[in-house]
Amino acid sequence: MSEGSQLGSTTAWGVSGASGAPQMPPRVVVPAPSSEASMLPFERTSASEPVAEAVAETAEAPSVEIGPTGRPMPYLPDPPPVAEHGTARVVSMCNQKGGVGKTTTTINLGASLAEFGRKVLLVDFDPQGSLSVGLGLNPHEMDLTIYNLLLEPGVTLEDVVVPSGVPGMDLLPSNIDLSAAEVQLVNEVAREQTLQRVLAPALASYDVILIDCQPSLGLLTVNALTASDGVIVPLECEYFALRGVALLKTTIDKVRERLNPRLEIEGVLGTMFDGRTLHGREVMERLVQAWGDTVFHTVIRRTVKFSDSTVAGEPITTYASSSTGAESYRQLAKEVLSRWHDA
């Protein structure tokens, strides 16, 4: 037999046997990875590295949630209930730039604090009366406003305070009449302390008094800062809003030095934040660089629910209770109360 017949003929499958039938190539068996190696979340760096120790080190690493400010989010427990009401802390919502969320924050922070059992008084100290309108009041149908309380000696706090529609939260309303007060107060003795004097009877009845300031640094705003224990600065996450904060800080420092030594900045609140835009993230980064831990961890994002709740004349906490906006203000209320507790 020839050498070719002994070896068989070559086919597309490989080498055929003596009978002429093609033979399959031998199977190459690849060993499956061990179950121990396939469960590892990383590649082994050396054969001698103990698997158990590597897994243990991975499991012990804590998972830290990074918030929208770029800092780890703290744990904020629900605040404990209060045994009795009184000795109110007075806080102004202040920013000389308009449209940054002062009124929205005043309404919804107040409503959230009321949900946590605090008795809250909202003070509409803006002649535009947006706070009153945002809670469903008609500015043209008000018999008495904070203007009457400031300038008419016979008017008392009880005469002007009205319910807000939210349990545990009352309102001192305002309308365009307040614009005349700035001119009339100029000739008053100790004109910067006028609001402080008229709010004094409310301190024993409420836990928190929130003052919604007008978008300016005039006499009305100085009155609010003089009457306050602290300031919350709502700041839209836009470049022009960021520029004006330095001027506001200068005004706060002057009021602290000359009129109200106890005044302090409670925190800076980022509002209308859109983390999808590079500009919004850059402004937030700049804000944290400039103000550090003064910036609240809570950030208020843009949502159409805020506009809808304003039209409805109620806080977002009742209009859309499960929305992200409502949850953000509840979280802000917990953060504010935790800062007061730690102070």
Protein backbone atom coordinates (compact mmCIF):
# COMPACT_ATOMS: atom_id res chain seq x y z
CA MET A 1 0.00 0.00 0.00
CA SER A 2 1.29 3.41 -0.88
CA GLU A 3 2.25 5.96 1.72
CA GLY A 4 -0.72 8.12 0.74
CA SER A 5 -3.17 5.24 1.27
CA GLN A 6 -1.65 4.48 4.65
CA LEU A 7 -2.07 8.05 5.89
CA GLY A 8 -5.47 8.59 4.31
CA SER A 9 -6.55 11.51 2.23
CA THR A 10 -6.80 15.12 3.36
CA THR A 11 -10.35 16.53 3.55
CA ALA A 12 -11.92 19.80 4.62
CA TRP A 13 -12.47 18.30 8.07
CA GLY A 14 -8.94 17.18 8.60
CA VAL A 15 -7.37 13.78 8.07
CA SER A 16 -9.43 10.78 7.02
CA GLY A 17 -8.81 7.31 8.33
CA ALA A 18 -7.88 4.23 6.39
CA SER A 19 -11.56 3.57 5.65
CA GLY A 20 -11.88 6.94 3.96
CA ALA A 21 -14.37 8.39 6.51
CA PRO A 22 -13.36 11.87 7.75
CA GLN A 23 -12.28 12.12 11.32
CA MET A 24 -13.12 15.18 13.53
CA PRO A 25 -10.18 17.00 15.10
CA PRO A 26 -9.67 16.25 18.75
CA ARG A 27 -11.77 18.43 21.11
CA VAL A 28 -9.86 20.96 23.13
CA VAL A 29 -11.39 21.18 26.58
CA VAL A 30 -10.97 24.62 28.23
CA PRO A 31 -11.28 24.38 31.99
CA ALA A 32 -14.15 26.53 33.38
CA PRO A 33 -13.17 29.29 35.81
CA SER A 34 -13.56 28.37 39.40
CA SER A 35 -16.66 29.74 41.11
CA GLU A 36 -14.39 31.49 43.60
CA ALA A 37 -12.61 33.50 40.89
CA SER A 38 -15.81 34.37 38.97
CA MET A 39 -17.40 35.96 42.07
CA LEU A 40 -14.55 38.41 42.57
CA PRO A 41 -15.43 42.01 41.62
CA PHE A 42 -11.87 42.63 40.43
CA GLU A 43 -9.00 40.79 38.76
CA ARG A 44 -6.52 38.97 40.87
CA THR A 45 -3.21 40.80 40.98
CA SER A 46 -1.19 37.76 42.04
CA ALA A 47 -1.73 34.07 42.44
CA SER A 48 -0.72 34.20 46.08
CA GLU A 49 -3.26 36.88 47.11
CA PRO A 50 -5.75 35.42 49.60
CA VAL A 51 -9.24 35.50 48.13
CA ALA A 52 -11.02 35.70 51.48
CA GLU A 53 -9.09 38.79 52.57
CA ALA A 54 -9.74 40.57 49.27
CA VAL A 55 -13.50 39.95 49.51
CA ALA A 56 -13.55 41.06 53.14
CA GLU A 57 -11.80 44.34 52.33
CA THR A 58 -14.32 45.05 49.58
CA ALA A 59 -17.27 44.34 51.86
CA GLU A 60 -15.97 46.62 54.61
CA ALA A 61 -15.74 49.70 52.35
CA PRO A 62 -18.70 51.95 53.32
CA SER A 63 -21.04 53.13 50.59
CA VAL A 64 -21.18 56.93 50.75
CA GLU A 65 -23.91 58.81 48.89
CA ILE A 66 -22.56 61.93 47.22
CA GLY A 67 -25.15 64.69 47.12
CA PRO A 68 -25.71 67.30 44.41
CA THR A 69 -23.31 69.68 46.17
CA GLY A 70 -20.47 67.19 45.64
CA ARG A 71 -20.25 66.37 49.36
CA PRO A 72 -21.32 63.22 51.22
CA MET A 73 -24.97 63.44 52.23
CA PRO A 74 -25.45 63.36 56.02
CA TYR A 75 -28.05 61.21 57.72
CA LEU A 76 -30.96 63.44 58.77
CA PRO A 77 -33.34 61.74 61.22
CA ASP A 78 -36.89 62.95 61.77
CA PRO A 79 -36.83 65.69 64.42
CA PRO A 80 -38.34 64.83 67.79
CA PRO A 81 -41.63 66.49 68.74
CA VAL A 82 -41.64 69.58 70.94
CA ALA A 83 -43.21 69.47 74.39
CA GLU A 84 -44.39 73.07 74.31
CA HIS A 85 -44.34 75.96 71.87
CA GLY A 86 -42.60 79.28 72.26
CA THR A 87 -39.24 81.09 72.23
CA ALA A 88 -39.43 81.41 68.46
CA ARG A 89 -36.35 81.52 66.28
CA VAL A 90 -36.72 84.30 63.70
CA VAL A 91 -35.21 83.65 60.27
CA SER A 92 -35.19 85.93 57.22
CA MET A 93 -35.25 84.65 53.64
CA CYS A 94 -33.02 87.22 52.06
CA ASN A 95 -31.44 87.89 48.68
CA GLN A 96 -31.41 91.20 46.88
CA LYS A 97 -31.88 89.43 43.55
CA GLY A 98 -35.44 88.59 42.64
CA GLY A 99 -36.72 85.29 41.35
CA VAL A 100 -34.35 83.07 43.30
CA GLY A 101 -36.98 81.18 45.31
CA LYS A 102 -37.35 83.21 48.52
CA THR A 103 -41.14 83.08 48.62
CA THR A 104 -41.31 79.45 47.50
CA THR A 105 -38.82 78.49 50.20
CA THR A 106 -40.64 80.48 52.89
CA ILE A 107 -43.96 78.77 52.13
CA ASN A 108 -42.67 75.23 51.74
CA LEU A 109 -40.07 75.28 54.51
CA GLY A 110 -42.71 76.67 56.85
CA ALA A 111 -45.19 73.98 55.84
CA SER A 112 -42.56 71.26 56.29
CA LEU A 113 -41.64 72.55 59.75
CA ALA A 114 -45.35 72.54 60.62
CA GLU A 115 -45.54 68.89 59.49
CA PHE A 116 -42.82 68.13 62.05
CA GLY A 117 -44.94 69.63 64.82
CA ARG A 118 -43.50 73.14 64.93
CA LYS A 119 -45.80 76.14 65.24
CA VAL A 120 -44.83 78.53 62.44
CA LEU A 121 -45.58 82.17 61.61
CA LEU A 122 -44.87 83.41 58.09
CA VAL A 123 -44.29 87.14 57.66
CA ASP A 124 -44.90 88.60 54.21
CA PHE A 125 -42.49 91.55 54.21
CA ASP A 126 -42.53 92.19 50.47
CA PRO A 127 -44.84 94.88 49.02
CA GLN A 128 -45.51 92.57 46.07
CA GLY A 129 -47.40 90.31 48.49
CA SER A 130 -46.29 87.13 46.73
CA LEU A 131 -46.27 85.10 49.94
CA SER A 132 -49.88 86.02 50.67
CA VAL A 133 -50.97 85.28 47.10
CA GLY A 134 -49.08 81.99 47.19
CA LEU A 135 -51.22 80.92 50.13
CA GLY A 136 -54.50 81.80 48.41
CA LEU A 137 -55.19 85.31 49.71
CA ASN A 138 -56.48 88.12 47.53
CA PRO A 139 -54.31 91.21 48.10
CA HIS A 140 -57.22 93.54 47.32
CA GLU A 141 -59.51 92.03 49.97
CA MET A 142 -57.26 92.45 53.01
CA ASP A 143 -58.63 94.66 55.76
CA LEU A 144 -55.41 94.75 57.76
CA THR A 145 -51.85 93.93 56.74
CA ILE A 146 -48.41 94.16 58.26
CA TYR A 147 -48.37 97.79 57.08
CA ASN A 148 -51.08 98.61 59.63
CA LEU A 149 -49.19 96.71 62.31
CA LEU A 150 -46.01 98.67 61.66
CA LEU A 151 -47.47 102.18 61.51
CA GLU A 152 -50.76 102.22 63.44
CA PRO A 153 -50.33 102.02 67.23
CA GLY A 154 -53.82 100.65 67.90
CA VAL A 155 -53.37 97.57 65.70
CA THR A 156 -52.17 94.41 67.46
CA LEU A 157 -50.58 91.23 66.14
CA GLU A 158 -53.78 89.25 66.77
CA ASP A 159 -55.71 91.68 64.59
CA VAL A 160 -53.54 91.00 61.55
CA VAL A 161 -52.55 87.31 61.78
CA VAL A 162 -54.64 85.01 59.59
CA PRO A 163 -54.60 81.22 59.17
CA SER A 164 -52.59 79.97 56.22
CA GLY A 165 -54.69 76.90 55.49
CA VAL A 166 -51.90 74.64 56.78
CA PRO A 167 -52.37 73.27 60.31
CA GLY A 168 -49.85 74.83 62.66
CA MET A 169 -48.87 77.66 60.30
CA ASP A 170 -50.16 81.27 60.41
CA LEU A 171 -49.53 84.28 58.19
CA LEU A 172 -48.93 88.00 58.56
CA PRO A 173 -50.16 89.17 55.14
CA SER A 174 -48.96 92.04 53.00
CA ASN A 175 -49.91 93.98 49.88
CA ILE A 176 -48.76 97.03 47.93
CA ASP A 177 -49.50 99.29 50.93
CA LEU A 178 -46.21 98.14 52.46
CA SER A 179 -44.29 100.04 49.80
CA ALA A 180 -45.28 103.28 51.56
CA ALA A 181 -43.89 102.05 54.86
CA GLU A 182 -40.28 102.39 53.71
CA VAL A 183 -40.81 106.12 53.16
CA GLN A 184 -42.81 106.67 56.34
CA LEU A 185 -40.35 104.80 58.55
CA VAL A 186 -37.52 107.14 57.63
CA ASN A 187 -38.75 109.73 60.14
CA GLU A 188 -39.38 107.21 62.94
CA VAL A 189 -37.12 106.92 65.97
CA ALA A 190 -35.16 103.63 65.91
CA ARG A 191 -36.70 102.90 62.53
CA GLU A 192 -34.56 99.77 62.00
CA GLN A 193 -36.13 98.08 65.06
CA THR A 194 -39.79 98.65 64.08
CA LEU A 195 -40.45 95.10 62.88
CA GLN A 196 -38.63 93.65 65.88
CA ARG A 197 -40.96 95.55 68.23
CA VAL A 198 -44.18 94.42 66.56
CA LEU A 199 -43.05 90.77 66.37
CA ALA A 200 -42.03 90.62 70.04
CA PRO A 201 -45.46 89.37 71.26
CA ALA A 202 -45.29 86.45 68.80
CA LEU A 203 -42.07 84.99 70.19
CA ALA A 204 -43.83 83.25 73.06
CA SER A 205 -46.48 81.62 70.83
CA TYR A 206 -44.45 80.23 67.93
CA ASP A 207 -41.43 77.99 67.43
CA VAL A 208 -40.30 79.49 64.12
CA ILE A 209 -40.96 82.85 62.44
CA LEU A 210 -39.96 83.04 58.77
CA ILE A 211 -39.74 86.48 57.11
CA ASP A 212 -40.02 86.70 53.33
CA CYS A 213 -37.94 89.77 52.39
CA GLN A 214 -38.28 91.95 49.32
CA PRO A 215 -35.58 91.72 46.62
CA SER A 216 -33.59 94.74 47.77
CA LEU A 217 -31.31 95.82 50.59
CA GLY A 218 -33.41 98.81 51.67
CA LEU A 219 -34.92 99.78 55.00
CA LEU A 220 -37.51 97.00 55.04
CA THR A 221 -34.82 94.35 54.57
CA VAL A 222 -32.66 95.97 57.27
CA ASN A 223 -35.72 95.80 59.57
CA ALA A 224 -36.07 92.09 58.84
CA LEU A 225 -32.38 91.41 59.50
CA THR A 226 -32.51 93.40 62.74
CA ALA A 227 -35.45 91.32 63.95
CA SER A 228 -33.87 87.98 62.98
CA ASP A 229 -31.67 85.42 64.67
CA GLY A 230 -30.48 84.08 61.34
CA VAL A 231 -30.61 84.40 57.57
CA ILE A 232 -31.22 81.75 54.92
CA VAL A 233 -30.00 82.81 51.48
CA PRO A 234 -31.87 81.11 48.62
CA LEU A 235 -29.64 81.24 45.59
CA GLU A 236 -30.58 80.27 42.06
CA CYS A 237 -27.85 78.12 40.53
CA GLU A 238 -27.06 80.72 37.87
CA TYR A 239 -24.01 82.92 37.40
CA PHE A 240 -25.74 86.29 37.92
CA ALA A 241 -27.32 85.11 41.17
CA LEU A 242 -23.91 84.00 42.42
CA ARG A 243 -22.36 87.41 41.81
CA GLY A 244 -24.70 89.29 44.16
CA VAL A 245 -24.13 87.18 47.27
CA ALA A 246 -20.98 89.10 48.24
CA LEU A 247 -22.95 92.36 48.49
CA LEU A 248 -25.59 90.66 50.63
CA LYS A 249 -22.92 89.33 52.99
CA THR A 250 -21.55 92.87 53.38
CA THR A 251 -25.01 94.11 54.39
CA ILE A 252 -25.47 91.25 56.87
CA ASP A 253 -22.07 92.02 58.41
CA LYS A 254 -23.01 95.69 58.84
CA VAL A 255 -26.33 94.83 60.49
CA ARG A 256 -24.56 92.40 62.82
CA GLU A 257 -21.97 95.00 63.77
CA ARG A 258 -24.30 97.97 64.26
CA LEU A 259 -27.80 96.67 65.04
CA ASN A 260 -28.05 92.95 65.77
CA PRO A 261 -25.00 91.12 67.20
CA ARG A 262 -26.80 87.75 67.30
CA LEU A 263 -27.46 87.70 63.52
CA GLU A 264 -25.82 84.83 61.65
CA ILE A 265 -26.11 83.16 58.27
CA GLU A 266 -28.02 79.91 58.77
CA GLY A 267 -27.10 78.63 55.36
CA VAL A 268 -27.07 79.14 51.60
CA LEU A 269 -29.69 77.14 49.72
CA GLY A 270 -29.21 76.19 46.08
CA THR A 271 -32.51 76.50 44.22
CA MET A 272 -33.70 75.84 40.66
CA PHE A 273 -30.82 73.41 40.28
CA ASP A 274 -30.52 71.38 37.09
CA GLY A 275 -27.74 68.83 37.42
CA ARG A 276 -28.03 67.93 33.73
CA THR A 277 -26.39 71.21 32.69
CA LEU A 278 -22.70 71.89 33.00
CA HIS A 279 -23.43 75.48 34.03
CA GLY A 280 -25.59 74.38 36.97
CA ARG A 281 -22.92 71.99 38.20
CA GLU A 282 -20.20 74.62 37.86
CA VAL A 283 -22.19 77.21 39.82
CA MET A 284 -22.84 74.69 42.57
CA GLU A 285 -19.13 73.85 42.69
CA ARG A 286 -18.22 77.54 42.94
CA LEU A 287 -20.82 78.04 45.65
CA VAL A 288 -19.39 75.26 47.80
CA GLN A 289 -15.85 76.54 47.23
CA ALA A 290 -16.84 80.03 48.41
CA TRP A 291 -19.15 79.17 51.33
CA GLY A 292 -18.06 75.69 52.39
CA ASP A 293 -20.28 73.98 54.95
CA THR A 294 -22.57 77.02 55.08
CA VAL A 295 -24.16 75.63 51.90
CA PHE A 296 -27.04 73.30 52.73
CA HIS A 297 -26.65 69.71 51.59
CA THR A 298 -30.26 69.90 50.46
CA VAL A 299 -30.72 71.31 46.96
CA ILE A 300 -34.05 72.35 45.43
CA ARG A 301 -34.34 71.17 41.83
CA ARG A 302 -36.46 72.66 39.09
CA THR A 303 -39.97 71.23 38.79
CA VAL A 304 -43.21 72.51 37.34
CA LYS A 305 -45.01 71.40 40.52
CA PHE A 306 -43.85 74.57 42.29
CA SER A 307 -45.67 76.77 39.75
CA ASP A 308 -48.75 74.55 39.91
CA SER A 309 -48.90 74.69 43.70
CA THR A 310 -48.59 78.50 43.64
CA VAL A 311 -51.57 78.72 41.30
CA ALA A 312 -53.47 76.39 43.63
CA GLY A 313 -52.62 78.66 46.59
CA GLU A 314 -51.07 75.98 48.78
CA PRO A 315 -47.63 74.55 49.63
CA ILE A 316 -46.20 71.80 47.50
CA THR A 317 -46.19 69.58 50.60
CA THR A 318 -49.98 69.41 50.40
CA TYR A 319 -50.52 69.98 46.68
CA ALA A 320 -48.09 67.25 45.57
CA SER A 321 -47.12 65.57 48.80
CA SER A 322 -45.09 62.75 47.25
CA SER A 323 -43.25 64.86 44.67
CA THR A 324 -39.50 65.37 44.70
CA GLY A 325 -40.01 69.05 45.50
CA ALA A 326 -42.03 68.25 48.62
CA GLU A 327 -39.46 65.70 49.77
CA SER A 328 -36.65 68.21 49.21
CA TYR A 329 -38.28 70.78 51.48
CA ARG A 330 -38.96 68.15 54.14
CA GLN A 331 -35.29 67.25 53.98
CA LEU A 332 -34.40 70.95 54.23
CA ALA A 333 -36.58 71.28 57.32
CA LYS A 334 -34.75 68.38 58.95
CA GLU A 335 -31.38 69.88 58.03
CA VAL A 336 -32.36 73.30 59.40
CA LEU A 337 -33.61 71.81 62.67
CA SER A 338 -30.46 69.71 63.01
CA ARG A 339 -28.30 72.83 62.60
CA TRP A 340 -30.30 74.65 65.27
CA HIS A 341 -29.96 71.67 67.59
CA ASP A 342 -26.19 71.55 67.07
CA ALA A 343 -25.75 75.31 67.52
